[in-house]
Amino acid sequence: MTETGKARRAPRQLGELHDVYGFLEEVRLRPGMWVRGSSLQHLHSMLLGYRVALDVHGIEEPFDFWSPGNQGSFTEWLWGRPGMPNASSLGWATEIERAAEKADRSAMEMFFELLDQFRTTHHDVQQPHRAAPETQQPTVTD
């Protein structure tokens, strides 16, 4: 049981994850395992690597954290929220870490609260984005 009295679910294997939000739920479950020092800068780097891997492998998946040519819908949503700047060249990870420090809170905890709010307003949380199965398998040609 956790401090809130809710049972924690068991971690999933990477092969069981279907999209970036599945990965982020694993990070939420065990942030110390995934993100060195619970640094949002490290999480941001991991998400950039995730996005690059999607492109390298030709996988179509909606990705809200960054795309070549734009900062991503999460970042656009974040700017102007209470405690956040209207825009920042430092990026969402730095600005959330700054806001968390001012509020004397965990940056990782604040990130997941903001992410939940974002998903509530921008996505059907019960049905996260999933890549079509045929786009997840590489095609072999002779």
N, C-alpha and C. Protein backbone atom coordinates (compact mmCIF):
# COMPACT_ATOMS: atom_id res chain seq x y z
N MET A 1 0.83 -1.18 0.00
CA MET A 1 0.00 0.00 0.00
C MET A 1 0.88 1.25 0.00
N THR A 2 0.39 2.29 -0.64
CA THR A 2 1.11 3.55 -0.65
C THR A 2 0.61 4.42 0.49
N GLU A 3 1.21 5.60 0.61
CA GLU A 3 0.79 6.53 1.65
C GLU A 3 -0.68 6.91 1.53
N THR A 4 -1.21 6.94 0.33
CA THR A 4 -2.61 7.33 0.13
C THR A 4 -3.56 6.16 0.34
N GLY A 5 -3.03 4.98 0.63
CA GLY A 5 -3.88 3.83 0.88
C GLY A 5 -4.24 3.04 -0.37
N LYS A 6 -3.74 3.46 -1.52
CA LYS A 6 -4.02 2.74 -2.77
C LYS A 6 -2.92 1.72 -3.02
N ALA A 7 -3.30 0.57 -3.48
CA ALA A 7 -2.31 -0.45 -3.84
C ALA A 7 -1.60 -0.03 -5.12
N ARG A 8 -0.29 -0.23 -5.17
CA ARG A 8 0.46 0.08 -6.38
C ARG A 8 0.43 -1.13 -7.29
N ARG A 9 0.32 -0.87 -8.56
CA ARG A 9 0.34 -1.96 -9.52
C ARG A 9 1.77 -2.42 -9.74
N ALA A 10 1.91 -3.59 -10.26
CA ALA A 10 3.23 -4.14 -10.55
C ALA A 10 3.80 -3.45 -11.79
N PRO A 11 5.11 -3.28 -11.85
CA PRO A 11 5.74 -2.71 -13.05
C PRO A 11 5.50 -3.61 -14.26
N ARG A 12 5.48 -3.00 -15.43
CA ARG A 12 5.32 -3.76 -16.67
C ARG A 12 6.66 -3.85 -17.38
N GLN A 13 6.78 -4.85 -18.22
CA GLN A 13 7.95 -5.01 -19.07
C GLN A 13 7.86 -4.00 -20.22
N LEU A 14 8.99 -3.60 -20.76
CA LEU A 14 8.99 -2.63 -21.86
C LEU A 14 8.15 -3.11 -23.05
N GLY A 15 8.17 -4.40 -23.32
CA GLY A 15 7.39 -4.93 -24.44
C GLY A 15 5.89 -4.82 -24.25
N GLU A 16 5.45 -4.56 -23.04
CA GLU A 16 4.03 -4.39 -22.75
C GLU A 16 3.55 -2.96 -22.94
N LEU A 17 4.47 -2.04 -23.15
CA LEU A 17 4.12 -0.63 -23.30
C LEU A 17 3.75 -0.34 -24.75
N HIS A 18 2.77 0.55 -24.94
CA HIS A 18 2.28 0.81 -26.29
C HIS A 18 2.58 2.21 -26.80
N ASP A 19 2.92 3.12 -25.91
CA ASP A 19 3.17 4.49 -26.34
C ASP A 19 3.94 5.24 -25.26
N VAL A 20 4.20 6.51 -25.50
CA VAL A 20 4.98 7.30 -24.56
C VAL A 20 4.28 7.42 -23.21
N TYR A 21 2.97 7.42 -23.22
CA TYR A 21 2.26 7.54 -21.94
C TYR A 21 2.37 6.26 -21.12
N GLY A 22 2.45 5.12 -21.76
CA GLY A 22 2.72 3.88 -21.04
C GLY A 22 4.09 3.94 -20.39
N PHE A 23 5.07 4.44 -21.13
CA PHE A 23 6.41 4.60 -20.58
C PHE A 23 6.39 5.57 -19.40
N LEU A 24 5.71 6.69 -19.55
CA LEU A 24 5.66 7.67 -18.47
C LEU A 24 4.97 7.12 -17.22
N GLU A 25 4.02 6.23 -17.39
CA GLU A 25 3.39 5.61 -16.22
C GLU A 25 4.37 4.71 -15.48
N GLU A 26 5.29 4.10 -16.20
CA GLU A 26 6.34 3.32 -15.54
C GLU A 26 7.31 4.24 -14.79
N VAL A 27 7.61 5.38 -15.37
CA VAL A 27 8.46 6.35 -14.69
C VAL A 27 7.76 6.84 -13.43
N ARG A 28 6.47 7.12 -13.51
CA ARG A 28 5.71 7.58 -12.35
C ARG A 28 5.76 6.54 -11.23
N LEU A 29 5.65 5.29 -11.60
CA LEU A 29 5.64 4.20 -10.62
C LEU A 29 6.98 4.09 -9.89
N ARG A 30 8.08 4.23 -10.65
CA ARG A 30 9.42 4.08 -10.06
C ARG A 30 10.39 5.10 -10.67
N PRO A 31 10.20 6.38 -10.33
CA PRO A 31 11.04 7.41 -10.95
C PRO A 31 12.53 7.25 -10.69
N GLY A 32 12.90 6.78 -9.51
CA GLY A 32 14.31 6.62 -9.19
C GLY A 32 15.00 5.58 -10.05
N MET A 33 14.25 4.63 -10.55
CA MET A 33 14.83 3.60 -11.42
C MET A 33 15.08 4.15 -12.82
N TRP A 34 14.20 5.01 -13.29
CA TRP A 34 14.27 5.49 -14.66
C TRP A 34 15.05 6.80 -14.83
N VAL A 35 14.93 7.68 -13.84
CA VAL A 35 15.44 9.04 -14.02
C VAL A 35 16.45 9.36 -12.93
N ARG A 36 17.69 9.52 -13.31
CA ARG A 36 18.76 9.81 -12.36
C ARG A 36 18.44 11.07 -11.56
N GLY A 37 18.45 10.94 -10.25
CA GLY A 37 18.22 12.08 -9.37
C GLY A 37 16.83 12.69 -9.49
N SER A 38 15.90 11.97 -10.08
CA SER A 38 14.54 12.49 -10.34
C SER A 38 14.57 13.84 -11.05
N SER A 39 15.56 14.01 -11.91
CA SER A 39 15.74 15.26 -12.65
C SER A 39 14.84 15.29 -13.88
N LEU A 40 14.07 16.35 -13.99
CA LEU A 40 13.24 16.50 -15.18
C LEU A 40 14.10 16.76 -16.42
N GLN A 41 15.31 17.28 -16.22
CA GLN A 41 16.22 17.45 -17.35
C GLN A 41 16.57 16.08 -17.96
N HIS A 42 16.79 15.10 -17.10
CA HIS A 42 17.09 13.75 -17.59
C HIS A 42 15.84 13.13 -18.23
N LEU A 43 14.69 13.35 -17.65
CA LEU A 43 13.45 12.84 -18.25
C LEU A 43 13.24 13.49 -19.62
N HIS A 44 13.48 14.77 -19.72
CA HIS A 44 13.34 15.48 -20.99
C HIS A 44 14.26 14.86 -22.04
N SER A 45 15.50 14.57 -21.65
CA SER A 45 16.45 13.93 -22.59
C SER A 45 15.96 12.56 -23.02
N MET A 46 15.41 11.81 -22.09
CA MET A 46 14.87 10.49 -22.44
C MET A 46 13.73 10.62 -23.44
N LEU A 47 12.87 11.60 -23.22
CA LEU A 47 11.73 11.79 -24.13
C LEU A 47 12.20 12.24 -25.52
N LEU A 48 13.25 13.04 -25.57
CA LEU A 48 13.80 13.41 -26.87
C LEU A 48 14.34 12.18 -27.59
N GLY A 49 15.03 11.32 -26.85
CA GLY A 49 15.52 10.08 -27.43
C GLY A 49 14.39 9.20 -27.92
N TYR A 50 13.31 9.14 -27.16
CA TYR A 50 12.12 8.38 -27.56
C TYR A 50 11.60 8.91 -28.90
N ARG A 51 11.51 10.24 -29.00
CA ARG A 51 10.99 10.86 -30.23
C ARG A 51 11.90 10.58 -31.42
N VAL A 52 13.20 10.67 -31.21
CA VAL A 52 14.15 10.39 -32.29
C VAL A 52 14.01 8.93 -32.72
N ALA A 53 13.87 8.02 -31.77
CA ALA A 53 13.72 6.60 -32.10
C ALA A 53 12.46 6.35 -32.93
N LEU A 54 11.38 7.08 -32.62
CA LEU A 54 10.16 6.94 -33.43
C LEU A 54 10.47 7.28 -34.88
N ASP A 55 11.15 8.39 -35.10
CA ASP A 55 11.48 8.80 -36.47
C ASP A 55 12.43 7.82 -37.14
N VAL A 56 13.47 7.40 -36.44
CA VAL A 56 14.46 6.49 -37.01
C VAL A 56 13.80 5.20 -37.47
N HIS A 57 12.84 4.72 -36.70
CA HIS A 57 12.20 3.45 -37.02
C HIS A 57 10.89 3.61 -37.80
N GLY A 58 10.57 4.84 -38.18
CA GLY A 58 9.40 5.10 -39.00
C GLY A 58 8.08 4.78 -38.31
N ILE A 59 8.03 4.98 -37.00
CA ILE A 59 6.82 4.68 -36.24
C ILE A 59 5.99 5.95 -36.09
N GLU A 60 4.75 5.87 -36.48
CA GLU A 60 3.82 6.98 -36.33
C GLU A 60 3.16 6.88 -34.97
N GLU A 61 3.41 7.88 -34.13
CA GLU A 61 2.79 7.93 -32.82
C GLU A 61 2.64 9.39 -32.43
N PRO A 62 1.45 9.80 -32.02
CA PRO A 62 1.32 11.17 -31.53
C PRO A 62 2.30 11.38 -30.37
N PHE A 63 2.98 12.50 -30.37
CA PHE A 63 3.99 12.77 -29.36
C PHE A 63 3.86 14.23 -28.94
N ASP A 64 3.51 14.46 -27.69
CA ASP A 64 3.16 15.79 -27.21
C ASP A 64 4.31 16.59 -26.63
N PHE A 65 5.53 16.06 -26.63
CA PHE A 65 6.61 16.71 -25.90
C PHE A 65 7.62 17.44 -26.76
N TRP A 66 7.71 17.11 -28.00
CA TRP A 66 8.59 17.81 -28.92
C TRP A 66 8.51 17.12 -30.27
N SER A 67 8.55 17.90 -31.30
CA SER A 67 8.66 17.39 -32.67
C SER A 67 9.55 18.35 -33.42
N PRO A 68 10.28 17.86 -34.40
CA PRO A 68 11.10 18.79 -35.17
C PRO A 68 10.25 19.94 -35.72
N GLY A 69 10.65 21.15 -35.40
CA GLY A 69 9.92 22.31 -35.89
C GLY A 69 8.92 22.89 -34.91
N ASN A 70 8.57 22.18 -33.83
CA ASN A 70 7.69 22.77 -32.83
C ASN A 70 7.99 22.21 -31.46
N GLN A 71 7.58 22.95 -30.45
CA GLN A 71 7.91 22.57 -29.08
C GLN A 71 6.99 21.51 -28.51
N GLY A 72 5.89 21.24 -29.14
CA GLY A 72 4.98 20.20 -28.67
C GLY A 72 3.79 20.76 -27.93
N SER A 73 2.70 20.05 -27.98
CA SER A 73 1.46 20.55 -27.39
C SER A 73 1.50 20.62 -25.87
N PHE A 74 2.28 19.75 -25.21
CA PHE A 74 2.40 19.85 -23.75
C PHE A 74 3.05 21.17 -23.37
N THR A 75 4.12 21.54 -24.05
CA THR A 75 4.83 22.78 -23.77
C THR A 75 3.93 23.98 -24.04
N GLU A 76 3.25 23.98 -25.18
CA GLU A 76 2.35 25.08 -25.52
C GLU A 76 1.25 25.23 -24.47
N TRP A 77 0.71 24.11 -24.00
CA TRP A 77 -0.31 24.13 -22.97
C TRP A 77 0.25 24.67 -21.65
N LEU A 78 1.49 24.30 -21.34
CA LEU A 78 2.10 24.66 -20.06
C LEU A 78 2.34 26.15 -19.93
N TRP A 79 2.78 26.80 -21.02
CA TRP A 79 3.11 28.23 -20.94
C TRP A 79 1.86 29.02 -20.59
N GLY A 80 2.00 29.88 -19.63
CA GLY A 80 0.88 30.72 -19.20
C GLY A 80 0.04 30.12 -18.09
N ARG A 81 0.30 28.87 -17.72
CA ARG A 81 -0.39 28.27 -16.58
C ARG A 81 0.09 28.97 -15.31
N PRO A 82 -0.70 28.94 -14.26
CA PRO A 82 -0.25 29.59 -13.01
C PRO A 82 1.12 29.08 -12.57
N GLY A 83 2.01 30.02 -12.29
CA GLY A 83 3.36 29.68 -11.85
C GLY A 83 4.33 29.39 -12.97
N MET A 84 3.87 29.46 -14.21
CA MET A 84 4.73 29.19 -15.37
C MET A 84 4.85 30.46 -16.22
N PRO A 85 5.96 30.61 -16.94
CA PRO A 85 6.10 31.78 -17.82
C PRO A 85 5.17 31.64 -19.03
N ASN A 86 5.04 32.73 -19.77
CA ASN A 86 4.25 32.67 -21.01
C ASN A 86 4.99 31.95 -22.11
N ALA A 87 6.29 31.88 -22.00
CA ALA A 87 7.14 31.13 -22.93
C ALA A 87 8.54 31.12 -22.32
N SER A 88 9.32 30.13 -22.70
CA SER A 88 10.69 30.05 -22.19
C SER A 88 11.54 29.25 -23.15
N SER A 89 12.71 29.78 -23.44
CA SER A 89 13.64 29.05 -24.29
C SER A 89 14.33 27.94 -23.50
N LEU A 90 14.15 27.93 -22.18
CA LEU A 90 14.78 26.90 -21.34
C LEU A 90 14.03 25.58 -21.36
N GLY A 91 12.78 25.59 -21.79
CA GLY A 91 12.01 24.36 -21.93
C GLY A 91 11.18 24.01 -20.70
N TRP A 92 10.28 23.05 -20.91
CA TRP A 92 9.33 22.70 -19.86
C TRP A 92 10.00 22.10 -18.63
N ALA A 93 11.04 21.30 -18.81
CA ALA A 93 11.67 20.64 -17.67
C ALA A 93 12.28 21.66 -16.71
N THR A 94 13.02 22.62 -17.25
CA THR A 94 13.63 23.64 -16.40
C THR A 94 12.58 24.47 -15.70
N GLU A 95 11.55 24.86 -16.42
CA GLU A 95 10.53 25.73 -15.82
C GLU A 95 9.72 25.00 -14.75
N ILE A 96 9.44 23.73 -14.94
CA ILE A 96 8.74 22.98 -13.90
C ILE A 96 9.65 22.81 -12.69
N GLU A 97 10.92 22.54 -12.92
CA GLU A 97 11.86 22.43 -11.79
C GLU A 97 11.94 23.74 -11.02
N ARG A 98 11.96 24.87 -11.72
CA ARG A 98 11.98 26.18 -11.04
C ARG A 98 10.71 26.40 -10.23
N ALA A 99 9.57 26.10 -10.82
CA ALA A 99 8.30 26.28 -10.12
C ALA A 99 8.21 25.38 -8.89
N ALA A 100 8.69 24.15 -9.03
CA ALA A 100 8.66 23.21 -7.91
C ALA A 100 9.57 23.68 -6.78
N GLU A 101 10.73 24.22 -7.13
CA GLU A 101 11.64 24.73 -6.10
C GLU A 101 11.00 25.89 -5.35
N LYS A 102 10.36 26.80 -6.08
CA LYS A 102 9.68 27.93 -5.43
C LYS A 102 8.58 27.46 -4.50
N ALA A 103 7.88 26.38 -4.90
CA ALA A 103 6.78 25.85 -4.10
C ALA A 103 7.24 24.84 -3.06
N ASP A 104 8.55 24.58 -3.01
CA ASP A 104 9.13 23.59 -2.09
C ASP A 104 8.46 22.23 -2.27
N ARG A 105 8.41 21.80 -3.54
CA ARG A 105 7.78 20.53 -3.90
C ARG A 105 8.71 19.72 -4.77
N SER A 106 8.37 18.47 -4.94
CA SER A 106 9.11 17.59 -5.84
C SER A 106 8.78 17.97 -7.29
N ALA A 107 9.84 18.19 -8.08
CA ALA A 107 9.63 18.54 -9.49
C ALA A 107 8.95 17.38 -10.24
N MET A 108 9.35 16.15 -9.93
CA MET A 108 8.76 14.99 -10.60
C MET A 108 7.27 14.90 -10.29
N GLU A 109 6.93 15.10 -9.03
CA GLU A 109 5.52 15.07 -8.62
C GLU A 109 4.74 16.17 -9.33
N MET A 110 5.30 17.37 -9.41
CA MET A 110 4.63 18.48 -10.09
C MET A 110 4.46 18.16 -11.58
N PHE A 111 5.50 17.59 -12.20
CA PHE A 111 5.39 17.22 -13.61
C PHE A 111 4.21 16.29 -13.84
N PHE A 112 4.08 15.24 -13.02
CA PHE A 112 3.00 14.29 -13.23
C PHE A 112 1.63 14.90 -12.95
N GLU A 113 1.54 15.81 -12.01
CA GLU A 113 0.27 16.52 -11.79
C GLU A 113 -0.09 17.35 -13.02
N LEU A 114 0.89 18.07 -13.56
CA LEU A 114 0.65 18.86 -14.77
C LEU A 114 0.32 17.96 -15.95
N LEU A 115 1.03 16.86 -16.07
CA LEU A 115 0.76 15.93 -17.16
C LEU A 115 -0.67 15.39 -17.08
N ASP A 116 -1.12 15.05 -15.88
CA ASP A 116 -2.49 14.57 -15.71
C ASP A 116 -3.49 15.64 -16.13
N GLN A 117 -3.24 16.89 -15.74
CA GLN A 117 -4.13 17.99 -16.14
C GLN A 117 -4.13 18.15 -17.66
N PHE A 118 -2.96 18.10 -18.26
CA PHE A 118 -2.84 18.21 -19.71
C PHE A 118 -3.63 17.11 -20.41
N ARG A 119 -3.44 15.90 -19.96
CA ARG A 119 -4.12 14.76 -20.59
C ARG A 119 -5.62 14.84 -20.42
N THR A 120 -6.07 15.35 -19.29
CA THR A 120 -7.50 15.50 -19.06
C THR A 120 -8.11 16.48 -20.06
N THR A 121 -7.36 17.53 -20.39
CA THR A 121 -7.90 18.53 -21.31
C THR A 121 -7.59 18.23 -22.77
N HIS A 122 -6.59 17.39 -23.05
CA HIS A 122 -6.17 17.16 -24.43
C HIS A 122 -6.33 15.74 -24.94
N HIS A 123 -6.56 14.79 -24.05
CA HIS A 123 -6.65 13.40 -24.47
C HIS A 123 -7.69 12.69 -23.64
N ASP A 124 -8.18 11.60 -24.18
CA ASP A 124 -9.01 10.71 -23.40
C ASP A 124 -8.06 9.85 -22.57
N VAL A 125 -7.97 10.14 -21.27
CA VAL A 125 -7.00 9.48 -20.40
C VAL A 125 -7.23 7.97 -20.36
N GLN A 126 -8.46 7.52 -20.50
CA GLN A 126 -8.74 6.09 -20.46
C GLN A 126 -8.26 5.38 -21.73
N GLN A 127 -8.15 6.11 -22.82
CA GLN A 127 -7.73 5.53 -24.09
C GLN A 127 -6.49 6.27 -24.58
N PRO A 128 -5.31 5.99 -24.04
CA PRO A 128 -4.11 6.71 -24.48
C PRO A 128 -3.81 6.41 -25.94
N HIS A 129 -3.02 7.30 -26.53
CA HIS A 129 -2.60 7.10 -27.92
C HIS A 129 -1.91 5.76 -28.05
N ARG A 130 -2.20 5.07 -29.11
CA ARG A 130 -1.51 3.80 -29.37
C ARG A 130 -1.15 3.78 -30.86
N ALA A 131 0.05 3.35 -31.10
CA ALA A 131 0.47 3.19 -32.50
C ALA A 131 -0.24 1.98 -33.07
N ALA A 132 -0.60 2.07 -34.32
CA ALA A 132 -1.24 0.93 -34.97
C ALA A 132 -0.27 -0.24 -35.01
N PRO A 133 -0.73 -1.46 -34.76
CA PRO A 133 0.18 -2.60 -34.71
C PRO A 133 1.05 -2.74 -35.95
N GLU A 134 0.51 -2.45 -37.12
CA GLU A 134 1.31 -2.63 -38.31
C GLU A 134 2.45 -1.63 -38.41
N THR A 135 2.37 -0.49 -37.72
CA THR A 135 3.46 0.47 -37.77
C THR A 135 4.55 0.13 -36.77
N GLN A 136 4.28 -0.80 -35.84
CA GLN A 136 5.28 -1.15 -34.84
C GLN A 136 6.24 -2.24 -35.36
N GLN A 137 5.85 -2.96 -36.39
CA GLN A 137 6.67 -4.03 -36.91
C GLN A 137 7.48 -3.53 -38.11
N PRO A 138 8.78 -3.78 -38.14
CA PRO A 138 9.56 -3.37 -39.31
C PRO A 138 9.16 -4.18 -40.52
N THR A 139 9.23 -3.56 -41.66
CA THR A 139 8.93 -4.28 -42.89
C THR A 139 10.23 -4.78 -43.49
N VAL A 140 10.18 -5.99 -43.98
CA VAL A 140 11.37 -6.60 -44.60
C VAL A 140 11.10 -6.69 -46.09
N THR A 141 12.04 -6.18 -46.86
CA THR A 141 11.92 -6.27 -48.31
C THR A 141 13.13 -6.99 -48.86
N ASP A 142 12.94 -7.67 -49.96
CA ASP A 142 14.05 -8.39 -50.60
C ASP A 142 14.80 -7.50 -51.54
